[in-house]
Full PDB file with SEQRES, HELIX, SHEET, SSBOND, CRYST1, ORIGX, SCALE, CONECT and MASTER records, all heavy atoms in Angstrom:
SEQRES   1 A   38  MET ASP LEU THR ARG ARG LEU LEU GLU TYR VAL ARG GLU          
SEQRES   2 A   38  HIS PHE GLN GLN PRO LEU THR LEU ASP ARG LEU ALA ALA          
SEQRES   3 A   38  GLU LEU HIS VAL ASN LYS TYR TYR LEU SER HIS ILE              
HELIX    1 AA1 LEU A    3  HIS A   14  1                                  12    
HELIX    2 AA2 LEU A   21  LEU A   28  1                                   8    
HELIX    3 AA3 LYS A   32  HIS A   37  1                                   6    
CRYST1    1.000    1.000    1.000  90.00  90.00  90.00 P 1           1          
ORIGX1      1.000000  0.000000  0.000000        0.00000                         
ORIGX2      0.000000  1.000000  0.000000        0.00000                         
ORIGX3      0.000000  0.000000  1.000000        0.00000                         
SCALE1      1.000000  0.000000  0.000000        0.00000                         
SCALE2      0.000000  1.000000  0.000000        0.00000                         
SCALE3      0.000000  0.000000  1.000000        0.00000                         
ATOM      1  N   MET A   1     -19.810 -10.314  -4.599  1.00  0.00           N  
ATOM      2  CA  MET A   1     -18.896  -9.351  -5.229  1.00  0.00           C  
ATOM      3  C   MET A   1     -17.483  -9.975  -5.494  1.00  0.00           C  
ATOM      4  O   MET A   1     -16.912 -10.573  -4.748  1.00  0.00           O  
ATOM      5  CB  MET A   1     -18.723  -8.151  -4.222  1.00  0.00           C  
ATOM      6  CG  MET A   1     -17.909  -6.981  -4.735  1.00  0.00           C  
ATOM      7  SD  MET A   1     -17.882  -5.704  -3.625  1.00  0.00           S  
ATOM      8  CE  MET A   1     -19.558  -5.298  -3.255  1.00  0.00           C  
ATOM      9  N   ASP A   2     -16.972  -9.652  -6.762  1.00  0.00           N  
ATOM     10  CA  ASP A   2     -15.744 -10.118  -7.089  1.00  0.00           C  
ATOM     11  C   ASP A   2     -14.573  -9.469  -6.408  1.00  0.00           C  
ATOM     12  O   ASP A   2     -14.755  -8.419  -5.879  1.00  0.00           O  
ATOM     13  CB  ASP A   2     -15.553 -10.351  -8.633  1.00  0.00           C  
ATOM     14  CG  ASP A   2     -15.574  -9.051  -9.274  1.00  0.00           C  
ATOM     15  OD1 ASP A   2     -15.206  -7.954  -8.652  1.00  0.00           O  
ATOM     16  OD2 ASP A   2     -15.817  -8.872 -10.459  1.00  0.00           O  
ATOM     17  N   LEU A   3     -13.443  -9.981  -6.659  1.00  0.00           N  
ATOM     18  CA  LEU A   3     -12.246  -9.430  -5.871  1.00  0.00           C  
ATOM     19  C   LEU A   3     -12.030  -8.027  -6.383  1.00  0.00           C  
ATOM     20  O   LEU A   3     -11.606  -7.221  -5.476  1.00  0.00           O  
ATOM     21  CB  LEU A   3     -11.051 -10.339  -6.141  1.00  0.00           C  
ATOM     22  CG  LEU A   3      -9.704  -9.862  -5.473  1.00  0.00           C  
ATOM     23  CD1 LEU A   3      -9.836  -9.683  -4.023  1.00  0.00           C  
ATOM     24  CD2 LEU A   3      -8.568 -10.885  -5.884  1.00  0.00           C  
ATOM     25  N   THR A   4     -12.017  -7.806  -7.630  1.00  0.00           N  
ATOM     26  CA  THR A   4     -11.788  -6.393  -8.178  1.00  0.00           C  
ATOM     27  C   THR A   4     -12.605  -5.397  -7.465  1.00  0.00           C  
ATOM     28  O   THR A   4     -12.173  -4.317  -6.984  1.00  0.00           O  
ATOM     29  CB  THR A   4     -12.004  -6.279  -9.657  1.00  0.00           C  
ATOM     30  OG1 THR A   4     -11.089  -7.328 -10.238  1.00  0.00           O  
ATOM     31  CG2 THR A   4     -11.597  -4.959 -10.187  1.00  0.00           C  
ATOM     32  N   ARG A   5     -13.914  -5.634  -7.219  1.00  0.00           N  
ATOM     33  CA  ARG A   5     -14.950  -4.728  -6.671  1.00  0.00           C  
ATOM     34  C   ARG A   5     -14.491  -4.536  -5.177  1.00  0.00           C  
ATOM     35  O   ARG A   5     -14.572  -3.419  -4.712  1.00  0.00           O  
ATOM     36  CB  ARG A   5     -16.327  -5.196  -6.820  1.00  0.00           C  
ATOM     37  CG  ARG A   5     -16.826  -5.102  -8.110  1.00  0.00           C  
ATOM     38  CD  ARG A   5     -18.311  -5.608  -8.248  1.00  0.00           C  
ATOM     39  NE  ARG A   5     -19.226  -4.701  -7.500  1.00  0.00           N  
ATOM     40  CZ  ARG A   5     -20.417  -5.088  -7.188  1.00  0.00           C  
ATOM     41  NH1 ARG A   5     -20.986  -6.233  -7.691  1.00  0.00           N  
ATOM     42  NH2 ARG A   5     -21.285  -4.292  -6.622  1.00  0.00           N  
ATOM     43  N   ARG A   6     -14.196  -5.538  -4.491  1.00  0.00           N  
ATOM     44  CA  ARG A   6     -13.823  -5.633  -3.098  1.00  0.00           C  
ATOM     45  C   ARG A   6     -12.454  -4.755  -2.908  1.00  0.00           C  
ATOM     46  O   ARG A   6     -12.207  -3.912  -1.988  1.00  0.00           O  
ATOM     47  CB  ARG A   6     -13.494  -6.973  -2.536  1.00  0.00           C  
ATOM     48  CG  ARG A   6     -14.806  -7.734  -2.337  1.00  0.00           C  
ATOM     49  CD  ARG A   6     -14.623  -8.944  -1.509  1.00  0.00           C  
ATOM     50  NE  ARG A   6     -13.817  -9.952  -2.085  1.00  0.00           N  
ATOM     51  CZ  ARG A   6     -12.754 -10.379  -1.609  1.00  0.00           C  
ATOM     52  NH1 ARG A   6     -12.348 -10.009  -0.492  1.00  0.00           N  
ATOM     53  NH2 ARG A   6     -12.144 -11.381  -2.242  1.00  0.00           N  
ATOM     54  N   LEU A   7     -11.613  -4.881  -3.811  1.00  0.00           N  
ATOM     55  CA  LEU A   7     -10.413  -4.268  -3.992  1.00  0.00           C  
ATOM     56  C   LEU A   7     -10.613  -2.584  -4.106  1.00  0.00           C  
ATOM     57  O   LEU A   7     -10.109  -1.863  -3.290  1.00  0.00           O  
ATOM     58  CB  LEU A   7      -9.455  -4.656  -5.123  1.00  0.00           C  
ATOM     59  CG  LEU A   7      -8.096  -3.941  -5.341  1.00  0.00           C  
ATOM     60  CD1 LEU A   7      -7.362  -4.154  -4.158  1.00  0.00           C  
ATOM     61  CD2 LEU A   7      -7.566  -4.560  -6.707  1.00  0.00           C  
ATOM     62  N   LEU A   8     -11.476  -2.212  -5.109  1.00  0.00           N  
ATOM     63  CA  LEU A   8     -11.694  -0.882  -5.266  1.00  0.00           C  
ATOM     64  C   LEU A   8     -12.491  -0.225  -4.025  1.00  0.00           C  
ATOM     65  O   LEU A   8     -12.252   0.889  -3.678  1.00  0.00           O  
ATOM     66  CB  LEU A   8     -12.553  -0.705  -6.576  1.00  0.00           C  
ATOM     67  CG  LEU A   8     -11.838  -0.992  -7.772  1.00  0.00           C  
ATOM     68  CD1 LEU A   8     -12.684  -0.653  -8.997  1.00  0.00           C  
ATOM     69  CD2 LEU A   8     -10.496  -0.338  -8.018  1.00  0.00           C  
ATOM     70  N   GLU A   9     -13.398  -1.024  -3.553  1.00  0.00           N  
ATOM     71  CA  GLU A   9     -14.104  -0.561  -2.161  1.00  0.00           C  
ATOM     72  C   GLU A   9     -13.120  -0.336  -1.138  1.00  0.00           C  
ATOM     73  O   GLU A   9     -13.306   0.724  -0.469  1.00  0.00           O  
ATOM     74  CB  GLU A   9     -15.137  -1.596  -1.893  1.00  0.00           C  
ATOM     75  CG  GLU A   9     -16.387  -1.416  -2.756  1.00  0.00           C  
ATOM     76  CD  GLU A   9     -17.523  -2.231  -1.952  1.00  0.00           C  
ATOM     77  OE1 GLU A   9     -17.339  -3.206  -1.282  1.00  0.00           O  
ATOM     78  OE2 GLU A   9     -18.854  -1.902  -2.191  1.00  0.00           O  
ATOM     79  N   TYR A  10     -12.118  -1.205  -0.966  1.00  0.00           N  
ATOM     80  CA  TYR A  10     -11.222  -1.010   0.240  1.00  0.00           C  
ATOM     81  C   TYR A  10     -10.422   0.252  -0.044  1.00  0.00           C  
ATOM     82  O   TYR A  10     -10.168   1.070   0.836  1.00  0.00           O  
ATOM     83  CB  TYR A  10     -10.368  -2.245   0.355  1.00  0.00           C  
ATOM     84  CG  TYR A  10      -9.524  -2.159   1.591  1.00  0.00           C  
ATOM     85  CD1 TYR A  10     -10.159  -2.777   2.837  1.00  0.00           C  
ATOM     86  CD2 TYR A  10      -8.346  -1.608   1.677  1.00  0.00           C  
ATOM     87  CE1 TYR A  10      -9.336  -2.640   4.014  1.00  0.00           C  
ATOM     88  CE2 TYR A  10      -7.569  -1.454   2.927  1.00  0.00           C  
ATOM     89  CZ  TYR A  10      -8.147  -2.018   4.085  1.00  0.00           C  
ATOM     90  OH  TYR A  10      -7.479  -1.943   5.230  1.00  0.00           O  
ATOM     91  N   VAL A  11      -9.918   0.389  -1.257  1.00  0.00           N  
ATOM     92  CA  VAL A  11      -9.080   1.599  -1.525  1.00  0.00           C  
ATOM     93  C   VAL A  11      -9.965   2.856  -1.415  1.00  0.00           C  
ATOM     94  O   VAL A  11      -9.454   3.802  -0.833  1.00  0.00           O  
ATOM     95  CB  VAL A  11      -8.477   1.506  -2.982  1.00  0.00           C  
ATOM     96  CG1 VAL A  11      -7.729   2.908  -3.263  1.00  0.00           C  
ATOM     97  CG2 VAL A  11      -7.490   0.386  -3.081  1.00  0.00           C  
ATOM     98  N   ARG A  12     -11.148   2.793  -1.824  1.00  0.00           N  
ATOM     99  CA  ARG A  12     -12.098   4.054  -1.760  1.00  0.00           C  
ATOM    100  C   ARG A  12     -12.204   4.352  -0.157  1.00  0.00           C  
ATOM    101  O   ARG A  12     -12.220   5.587   0.084  1.00  0.00           O  
ATOM    102  CB  ARG A  12     -13.380   3.731  -2.310  1.00  0.00           C  
ATOM    103  CG  ARG A  12     -14.325   4.884  -2.295  1.00  0.00           C  
ATOM    104  CD  ARG A  12     -15.802   4.441  -2.701  1.00  0.00           C  
ATOM    105  NE  ARG A  12     -16.408   3.631  -1.697  1.00  0.00           N  
ATOM    106  CZ  ARG A  12     -17.766   3.452  -1.792  1.00  0.00           C  
ATOM    107  NH1 ARG A  12     -18.556   4.013  -2.628  1.00  0.00           N  
ATOM    108  NH2 ARG A  12     -18.281   2.647  -0.757  1.00  0.00           N  
ATOM    109  N   GLU A  13     -12.512   3.358   0.628  1.00  0.00           N  
ATOM    110  CA  GLU A  13     -12.606   3.656   2.105  1.00  0.00           C  
ATOM    111  C   GLU A  13     -11.406   3.890   2.921  1.00  0.00           C  
ATOM    112  O   GLU A  13     -11.595   4.472   3.985  1.00  0.00           O  
ATOM    113  CB  GLU A  13     -13.306   2.382   2.655  1.00  0.00           C  
ATOM    114  CG  GLU A  13     -14.847   2.251   2.047  1.00  0.00           C  
ATOM    115  CD  GLU A  13     -15.510   1.004   2.585  1.00  0.00           C  
ATOM    116  OE1 GLU A  13     -14.858   0.196   3.257  1.00  0.00           O  
ATOM    117  OE2 GLU A  13     -16.690   0.697   2.122  1.00  0.00           O  
ATOM    118  N   HIS A  14     -10.194   3.648   2.271  1.00  0.00           N  
ATOM    119  CA  HIS A  14      -9.065   3.802   3.239  1.00  0.00           C  
ATOM    120  C   HIS A  14      -7.848   4.627   2.540  1.00  0.00           C  
ATOM    121  O   HIS A  14      -6.735   4.732   2.979  1.00  0.00           O  
ATOM    122  CB  HIS A  14      -8.533   2.465   3.488  1.00  0.00           C  
ATOM    123  CG  HIS A  14      -9.317   1.739   4.390  1.00  0.00           C  
ATOM    124  ND1 HIS A  14     -10.353   0.766   3.750  1.00  0.00           N  
ATOM    125  CD2 HIS A  14      -9.569   1.498   5.579  1.00  0.00           C  
ATOM    126  CE1 HIS A  14     -11.022   0.116   4.822  1.00  0.00           C  
ATOM    127  NE2 HIS A  14     -10.615   0.497   5.938  1.00  0.00           N  
ATOM    128  N   PHE A  15      -8.261   5.329   1.416  1.00  0.00           N  
ATOM    129  CA  PHE A  15      -7.129   5.953   0.679  1.00  0.00           C  
ATOM    130  C   PHE A  15      -6.508   7.172   1.463  1.00  0.00           C  
ATOM    131  O   PHE A  15      -5.338   7.564   1.148  1.00  0.00           O  
ATOM    132  CB  PHE A  15      -7.741   6.581  -0.733  1.00  0.00           C  
ATOM    133  CG  PHE A  15      -8.644   7.760  -0.573  1.00  0.00           C  
ATOM    134  CD1 PHE A  15      -8.299   9.006  -0.725  1.00  0.00           C  
ATOM    135  CD2 PHE A  15     -10.081   7.559  -0.266  1.00  0.00           C  
ATOM    136  CE1 PHE A  15      -9.068  10.086  -0.520  1.00  0.00           C  
ATOM    137  CE2 PHE A  15     -10.850   8.648  -0.183  1.00  0.00           C  
ATOM    138  CZ  PHE A  15     -10.418   9.914  -0.238  1.00  0.00           C  
ATOM    139  N   GLN A  16      -7.260   7.652   2.477  1.00  0.00           N  
ATOM    140  CA  GLN A  16      -6.802   8.821   3.217  1.00  0.00           C  
ATOM    141  C   GLN A  16      -5.807   8.275   4.239  1.00  0.00           C  
ATOM    142  O   GLN A  16      -5.155   9.107   4.943  1.00  0.00           O  
ATOM    143  CB  GLN A  16      -7.924   9.625   3.959  1.00  0.00           C  
ATOM    144  CG  GLN A  16      -8.821  10.292   2.804  1.00  0.00           C  
ATOM    145  CD  GLN A  16     -10.123  10.752   3.525  1.00  0.00           C  
ATOM    146  OE1 GLN A  16     -10.970  10.012   3.833  1.00  0.00           O  
ATOM    147  NE2 GLN A  16     -10.205  12.068   3.575  1.00  0.00           N  
ATOM    148  N   GLN A  17      -5.814   6.979   4.481  1.00  0.00           N  
ATOM    149  CA  GLN A  17      -4.779   6.366   5.561  1.00  0.00           C  
ATOM    150  C   GLN A  17      -3.503   5.904   4.769  1.00  0.00           C  
ATOM    151  O   GLN A  17      -3.501   5.737   3.594  1.00  0.00           O  
ATOM    152  CB  GLN A  17      -5.559   5.368   6.194  1.00  0.00           C  
ATOM    153  CG  GLN A  17      -6.795   5.600   6.806  1.00  0.00           C  
ATOM    154  CD  GLN A  17      -7.606   4.290   7.296  1.00  0.00           C  
ATOM    155  OE1 GLN A  17      -7.099   3.272   7.290  1.00  0.00           O  
ATOM    156  NE2 GLN A  17      -8.827   4.565   7.480  1.00  0.00           N  
ATOM    157  N   PRO A  18      -2.480   5.619   5.579  1.00  0.00           N  
ATOM    158  CA  PRO A  18      -1.288   4.957   4.984  1.00  0.00           C  
ATOM    159  C   PRO A  18      -1.653   3.574   4.285  1.00  0.00           C  
ATOM    160  O   PRO A  18      -2.285   2.768   5.128  1.00  0.00           O  
ATOM    161  CB  PRO A  18      -0.315   4.872   6.251  1.00  0.00           C  
ATOM    162  CG  PRO A  18      -0.746   5.866   7.160  1.00  0.00           C  
ATOM    163  CD  PRO A  18      -2.205   5.985   7.030  1.00  0.00           C  
ATOM    164  N   LEU A  19      -1.414   3.426   3.245  1.00  0.00           N  
ATOM    165  CA  LEU A  19      -1.826   2.146   2.410  1.00  0.00           C  
ATOM    166  C   LEU A  19      -0.868   1.583   1.620  1.00  0.00           C  
ATOM    167  O   LEU A  19      -0.199   2.265   0.797  1.00  0.00           O  
ATOM    168  CB  LEU A  19      -3.073   2.498   1.591  1.00  0.00           C  
ATOM    169  CG  LEU A  19      -4.121   1.516   1.144  1.00  0.00           C  
ATOM    170  CD1 LEU A  19      -4.524   0.628   2.303  1.00  0.00           C  
ATOM    171  CD2 LEU A  19      -5.240   1.886   0.461  1.00  0.00           C  
ATOM    172  N   THR A  20      -0.539   0.299   1.818  1.00  0.00           N  
ATOM    173  CA  THR A  20       0.482  -0.315   1.030  1.00  0.00           C  
ATOM    174  C   THR A  20      -0.070  -1.650   0.372  1.00  0.00           C  
ATOM    175  O   THR A  20      -1.238  -2.038   0.920  1.00  0.00           O  
ATOM    176  CB  THR A  20       1.673  -0.781   1.932  1.00  0.00           C  
ATOM    177  OG1 THR A  20       1.276  -1.763   2.871  1.00  0.00           O  
ATOM    178  CG2 THR A  20       2.342   0.455   2.554  1.00  0.00           C  
ATOM    179  N   LEU A  21       0.578  -2.095  -0.627  1.00  0.00           N  
ATOM    180  CA  LEU A  21       0.035  -3.361  -1.228  1.00  0.00           C  
ATOM    181  C   LEU A  21       0.103  -4.521  -0.195  1.00  0.00           C  
ATOM    182  O   LEU A  21      -0.879  -5.386  -0.290  1.00  0.00           O  
ATOM    183  CB  LEU A  21       0.938  -3.786  -2.315  1.00  0.00           C  
ATOM    184  CG  LEU A  21       0.294  -4.869  -3.352  1.00  0.00           C  
ATOM    185  CD1 LEU A  21      -0.910  -4.379  -3.923  1.00  0.00           C  
ATOM    186  CD2 LEU A  21       1.401  -5.093  -4.451  1.00  0.00           C  
ATOM    187  N   ASP A  22       0.985  -4.554   0.641  1.00  0.00           N  
ATOM    188  CA  ASP A  22       1.105  -5.556   1.730  1.00  0.00           C  
ATOM    189  C   ASP A  22      -0.090  -5.480   2.674  1.00  0.00           C  
ATOM    190  O   ASP A  22      -0.761  -6.539   3.016  1.00  0.00           O  
ATOM    191  CB  ASP A  22       2.383  -5.460   2.523  1.00  0.00           C  
ATOM    192  CG  ASP A  22       3.553  -5.874   1.803  1.00  0.00           C  
ATOM    193  OD1 ASP A  22       3.517  -6.935   1.036  1.00  0.00           O  
ATOM    194  OD2 ASP A  22       4.660  -5.197   1.935  1.00  0.00           O  
ATOM    195  N   ARG A  23      -0.537  -4.289   3.057  1.00  0.00           N  
ATOM    196  CA  ARG A  23      -1.636  -4.200   4.010  1.00  0.00           C  
ATOM    197  C   ARG A  23      -2.925  -4.504   3.168  1.00  0.00           C  
ATOM    198  O   ARG A  23      -3.836  -5.267   3.772  1.00  0.00           O  
ATOM    199  CB  ARG A  23      -1.777  -2.744   4.381  1.00  0.00           C  
ATOM    200  CG  ARG A  23      -3.060  -2.368   5.212  1.00  0.00           C  
ATOM    201  CD  ARG A  23      -3.198  -0.998   5.580  1.00  0.00           C  
ATOM    202  NE  ARG A  23      -4.522  -0.753   6.077  1.00  0.00           N  
ATOM    203  CZ  ARG A  23      -5.040   0.407   6.428  1.00  0.00           C  
ATOM    204  NH1 ARG A  23      -4.223   1.501   6.219  1.00  0.00           N  
ATOM    205  NH2 ARG A  23      -6.189   0.612   6.794  1.00  0.00           N  
ATOM    206  N   LEU A  24      -3.042  -4.069   1.879  1.00  0.00           N  
ATOM    207  CA  LEU A  24      -4.185  -4.480   1.147  1.00  0.00           C  
ATOM    208  C   LEU A  24      -4.271  -6.046   0.963  1.00  0.00           C  
ATOM    209  O   LEU A  24      -5.483  -6.605   1.085  1.00  0.00           O  
ATOM    210  CB  LEU A  24      -4.114  -3.754  -0.191  1.00  0.00           C  
ATOM    211  CG  LEU A  24      -5.314  -3.632  -1.153  1.00  0.00           C  
ATOM    212  CD1 LEU A  24      -6.328  -2.962  -0.318  1.00  0.00           C  
ATOM    213  CD2 LEU A  24      -4.925  -2.987  -2.487  1.00  0.00           C  
ATOM    214  N   ALA A  25      -3.213  -6.581   0.797  1.00  0.00           N  
ATOM    215  CA  ALA A  25      -3.313  -8.110   0.644  1.00  0.00           C  
ATOM    216  C   ALA A  25      -3.734  -8.844   1.878  1.00  0.00           C  
ATOM    217  O   ALA A  25      -4.391  -9.703   1.932  1.00  0.00           O  
ATOM    218  CB  ALA A  25      -1.981  -8.590   0.207  1.00  0.00           C  
ATOM    219  N   ALA A  26      -3.230  -8.269   2.941  1.00  0.00           N  
ATOM    220  CA  ALA A  26      -3.486  -8.873   4.390  1.00  0.00           C  
ATOM    221  C   ALA A  26      -4.932  -8.650   4.600  1.00  0.00           C  
ATOM    222  O   ALA A  26      -5.704  -9.579   5.111  1.00  0.00           O  
ATOM    223  CB  ALA A  26      -2.684  -8.335   5.255  1.00  0.00           C  
ATOM    224  N   GLU A  27      -5.484  -7.374   4.317  1.00  0.00           N  
ATOM    225  CA  GLU A  27      -6.893  -7.265   4.707  1.00  0.00           C  
ATOM    226  C   GLU A  27      -7.860  -7.962   3.822  1.00  0.00           C  
ATOM    227  O   GLU A  27      -9.003  -8.444   4.241  1.00  0.00           O  
ATOM    228  CB  GLU A  27      -7.138  -5.697   4.475  1.00  0.00           C  
ATOM    229  CG  GLU A  27      -6.422  -4.867   5.481  1.00  0.00           C  
ATOM    230  CD  GLU A  27      -7.012  -4.841   6.884  1.00  0.00           C  
ATOM    231  OE1 GLU A  27      -8.147  -5.361   7.077  1.00  0.00           O  
ATOM    232  OE2 GLU A  27      -6.390  -4.577   7.804  1.00  0.00           O  
ATOM    233  N   LEU A  28      -7.482  -8.297   2.579  1.00  0.00           N  
ATOM    234  CA  LEU A  28      -8.331  -8.933   1.634  1.00  0.00           C  
ATOM    235  C   LEU A  28      -8.033 -10.535   1.682  1.00  0.00           C  
ATOM    236  O   LEU A  28      -8.669 -11.251   0.948  1.00  0.00           O  
ATOM    237  CB  LEU A  28      -8.242  -8.392   0.204  1.00  0.00           C  
ATOM    238  CG  LEU A  28      -8.657  -6.914   0.130  1.00  0.00           C  
ATOM    239  CD1 LEU A  28      -8.404  -6.534  -1.384  1.00  0.00           C  
ATOM    240  CD2 LEU A  28     -10.100  -6.841   0.529  1.00  0.00           C  
ATOM    241  N   HIS A  29      -7.000 -10.936   2.329  1.00  0.00           N  
ATOM    242  CA  HIS A  29      -6.565 -12.273   2.483  1.00  0.00           C  
ATOM    243  C   HIS A  29      -6.323 -12.824   1.071  1.00  0.00           C  
ATOM    244  O   HIS A  29      -6.722 -13.868   0.598  1.00  0.00           O  
ATOM    245  CB  HIS A  29      -7.693 -13.132   3.102  1.00  0.00           C  
ATOM    246  CG  HIS A  29      -8.215 -12.570   4.423  1.00  0.00           C  
ATOM    247  ND1 HIS A  29      -7.283 -12.731   5.583  1.00  0.00           N  
ATOM    248  CD2 HIS A  29      -9.202 -12.008   4.810  1.00  0.00           C  
ATOM    249  CE1 HIS A  29      -8.040 -12.003   6.524  1.00  0.00           C  
ATOM    250  NE2 HIS A  29      -9.153 -11.687   6.031  1.00  0.00           N  
ATOM    251  N   VAL A  30      -5.524 -12.095   0.243  1.00  0.00           N  
ATOM    252  CA  VAL A  30      -5.079 -12.415  -1.022  1.00  0.00           C  
ATOM    253  C   VAL A  30      -3.615 -12.133  -1.215  1.00  0.00           C  
ATOM    254  O   VAL A  30      -3.051 -11.190  -0.761  1.00  0.00           O  
ATOM    255  CB  VAL A  30      -5.846 -11.555  -2.123  1.00  0.00           C  
ATOM    256  CG1 VAL A  30      -5.370 -11.931  -3.635  1.00  0.00           C  
ATOM    257  CG2 VAL A  30      -7.322 -11.787  -1.990  1.00  0.00           C  
ATOM    258  N   ASN A  31      -2.941 -13.022  -2.003  1.00  0.00           N  
ATOM    259  CA  ASN A  31      -1.445 -12.865  -2.289  1.00  0.00           C  
ATOM    260  C   ASN A  31      -1.188 -11.578  -2.967  1.00  0.00           C  
ATOM    261  O   ASN A  31      -1.899 -11.176  -3.836  1.00  0.00           O  
ATOM    262  CB  ASN A  31      -1.001 -13.954  -3.115  1.00  0.00           C  
ATOM    263  CG  ASN A  31       0.500 -13.890  -3.402  1.00  0.00           C  
ATOM    264  OD1 ASN A  31       0.923 -13.137  -4.202  1.00  0.00           O  
ATOM    265  ND2 ASN A  31       1.208 -14.817  -2.766  1.00  0.00           N  
ATOM    266  N   LYS A  32      -0.210 -10.729  -2.469  1.00  0.00           N  
ATOM    267  CA  LYS A  32       0.029  -9.407  -2.903  1.00  0.00           C  
ATOM    268  C   LYS A  32       0.401  -9.405  -4.357  1.00  0.00           C  
ATOM    269  O   LYS A  32       0.070  -8.542  -5.178  1.00  0.00           O  
ATOM    270  CB  LYS A  32       1.017  -8.675  -2.033  1.00  0.00           C  
ATOM    271  CG  LYS A  32       2.521  -9.154  -2.404  1.00  0.00           C  
ATOM    272  CD  LYS A  32       3.367  -8.212  -1.385  1.00  0.00           C  
ATOM    273  CE  LYS A  32       4.822  -8.591  -1.738  1.00  0.00           C  
ATOM    274  NZ  LYS A  32       5.753  -7.647  -1.130  1.00  0.00           N  
ATOM    275  N   TYR A  33       1.073 -10.457  -4.863  1.00  0.00           N  
ATOM    276  CA  TYR A  33       1.401 -10.542  -6.236  1.00  0.00           C  
ATOM    277  C   TYR A  33       0.182 -10.743  -7.248  1.00  0.00           C  
ATOM    278  O   TYR A  33       0.218 -10.277  -8.339  1.00  0.00           O  
ATOM    279  CB  TYR A  33       2.582 -11.706  -6.487  1.00  0.00           C  
ATOM    280  CG  TYR A  33       3.789 -11.410  -5.719  1.00  0.00           C  
ATOM    281  CD1 TYR A  33       3.992 -12.200  -4.525  1.00  0.00           C  
ATOM    282  CD2 TYR A  33       4.627 -10.429  -5.948  1.00  0.00           C  
ATOM    283  CE1 TYR A  33       5.081 -11.938  -3.820  1.00  0.00           C  
ATOM    284  CE2 TYR A  33       5.810 -10.197  -5.327  1.00  0.00           C  
ATOM    285  CZ  TYR A  33       5.967 -11.014  -4.161  1.00  0.00           C  
ATOM    286  OH  TYR A  33       7.137 -10.787  -3.416  1.00  0.00           O  
ATOM    287  N   TYR A  34      -0.756 -11.432  -6.624  1.00  0.00           N  
ATOM    288  CA  TYR A  34      -2.082 -11.653  -7.360  1.00  0.00           C  
ATOM    289  C   TYR A  34      -2.744 -10.269  -7.490  1.00  0.00           C  
ATOM    290  O   TYR A  34      -3.314  -9.953  -8.476  1.00  0.00           O  
ATOM    291  CB  TYR A  34      -2.927 -12.625  -6.796  1.00  0.00           C  
ATOM    292  CG  TYR A  34      -4.119 -12.891  -7.593  1.00  0.00           C  
ATOM    293  CD1 TYR A  34      -4.094 -13.453  -8.879  1.00  0.00           C  
ATOM    294  CD2 TYR A  34      -5.434 -12.592  -6.957  1.00  0.00           C  
ATOM    295  CE1 TYR A  34      -5.208 -13.672  -9.528  1.00  0.00           C  
ATOM    296  CE2 TYR A  34      -6.550 -12.961  -7.694  1.00  0.00           C  
ATOM    297  CZ  TYR A  34      -6.469 -13.394  -9.005  1.00  0.00           C  
ATOM    298  OH  TYR A  34      -7.595 -13.631  -9.725  1.00  0.00           O  
ATOM    299  N   LEU A  35      -2.775  -9.505  -6.384  1.00  0.00           N  
ATOM    300  CA  LEU A  35      -3.313  -8.185  -6.474  1.00  0.00           C  
ATOM    301  C   LEU A  35      -2.681  -7.305  -7.321  1.00  0.00           C  
ATOM    302  O   LEU A  35      -3.319  -6.502  -8.103  1.00  0.00           O  
ATOM    303  CB  LEU A  35      -3.206  -7.545  -4.984  1.00  0.00           C  
ATOM    304  CG  LEU A  35      -4.184  -8.055  -3.957  1.00  0.00           C  
ATOM    305  CD1 LEU A  35      -4.210  -7.254  -2.677  1.00  0.00           C  
ATOM    306  CD2 LEU A  35      -5.705  -8.064  -4.531  1.00  0.00           C  
ATOM    307  N   SER A  36      -1.321  -7.347  -7.423  1.00  0.00           N  
ATOM    308  CA  SER A  36      -0.556  -6.563  -8.358  1.00  0.00           C  
ATOM    309  C   SER A  36      -0.996  -6.854  -9.695  1.00  0.00           C  
ATOM    310  O   SER A  36      -1.040  -6.020 -10.617  1.00  0.00           O  
ATOM    311  CB  SER A  36       0.988  -6.846  -8.155  1.00  0.00           C  
ATOM    312  OG  SER A  36       1.783  -6.061  -8.984  1.00  0.00           O  
ATOM    313  N   HIS A  37      -1.230  -8.156 -10.027  1.00  0.00           N  
ATOM    314  CA  HIS A  37      -1.486  -8.592 -11.419  1.00  0.00           C  
ATOM    315  C   HIS A  37      -3.075  -8.030 -11.795  1.00  0.00           C  
ATOM    316  O   HIS A  37      -3.258  -7.588 -12.920  1.00  0.00           O  
ATOM    317  CB  HIS A  37      -1.766 -10.097 -11.362  1.00  0.00           C  
ATOM    318  CG  HIS A  37      -2.153 -10.676 -12.666  1.00  0.00           C  
ATOM    319  ND1 HIS A  37      -1.568 -10.698 -13.836  1.00  0.00           N  
ATOM    320  CD2 HIS A  37      -3.319 -11.300 -12.873  1.00  0.00           C  
ATOM    321  CE1 HIS A  37      -2.274 -11.203 -14.867  1.00  0.00           C  
ATOM    322  NE2 HIS A  37      -3.400 -11.578 -14.297  1.00  0.00           N  
ATOM    323  N   ILE A  38      -3.940  -7.884 -10.829  1.00  0.00           N  
ATOM    324  CA  ILE A  38      -5.217  -7.396 -11.001  1.00  0.00           C  
ATOM    325  C   ILE A  38      -5.077  -5.929 -11.398  1.00  0.00           C  
ATOM    326  O   ILE A  38      -5.827  -5.440 -12.234  1.00  0.00           O  
ATOM    327  CB  ILE A  38      -6.077  -7.440  -9.776  1.00  0.00           C  
ATOM    328  CG1 ILE A  38      -6.576  -9.046  -9.589  1.00  0.00           C  
ATOM    329  CG2 ILE A  38      -7.457  -6.712  -9.859  1.00  0.00           C  
ATOM    330  CD1 ILE A  38      -7.329  -9.323  -8.411  1.00  0.00           C  
TER     331      ILE A  38                                                      
MASTER        0    0    0    3    0    0    0    6  330    1    0    3          
END                                                                             
């Protein structure tokens, strides 16, 4: 599964919780600026 799919899955499963780009990057082990680019 590519990074975009993992990204959408994570947001889908955690959207009801406090969620930031920093947390998302840490959980997916990806630079937050690269996530922002996606």
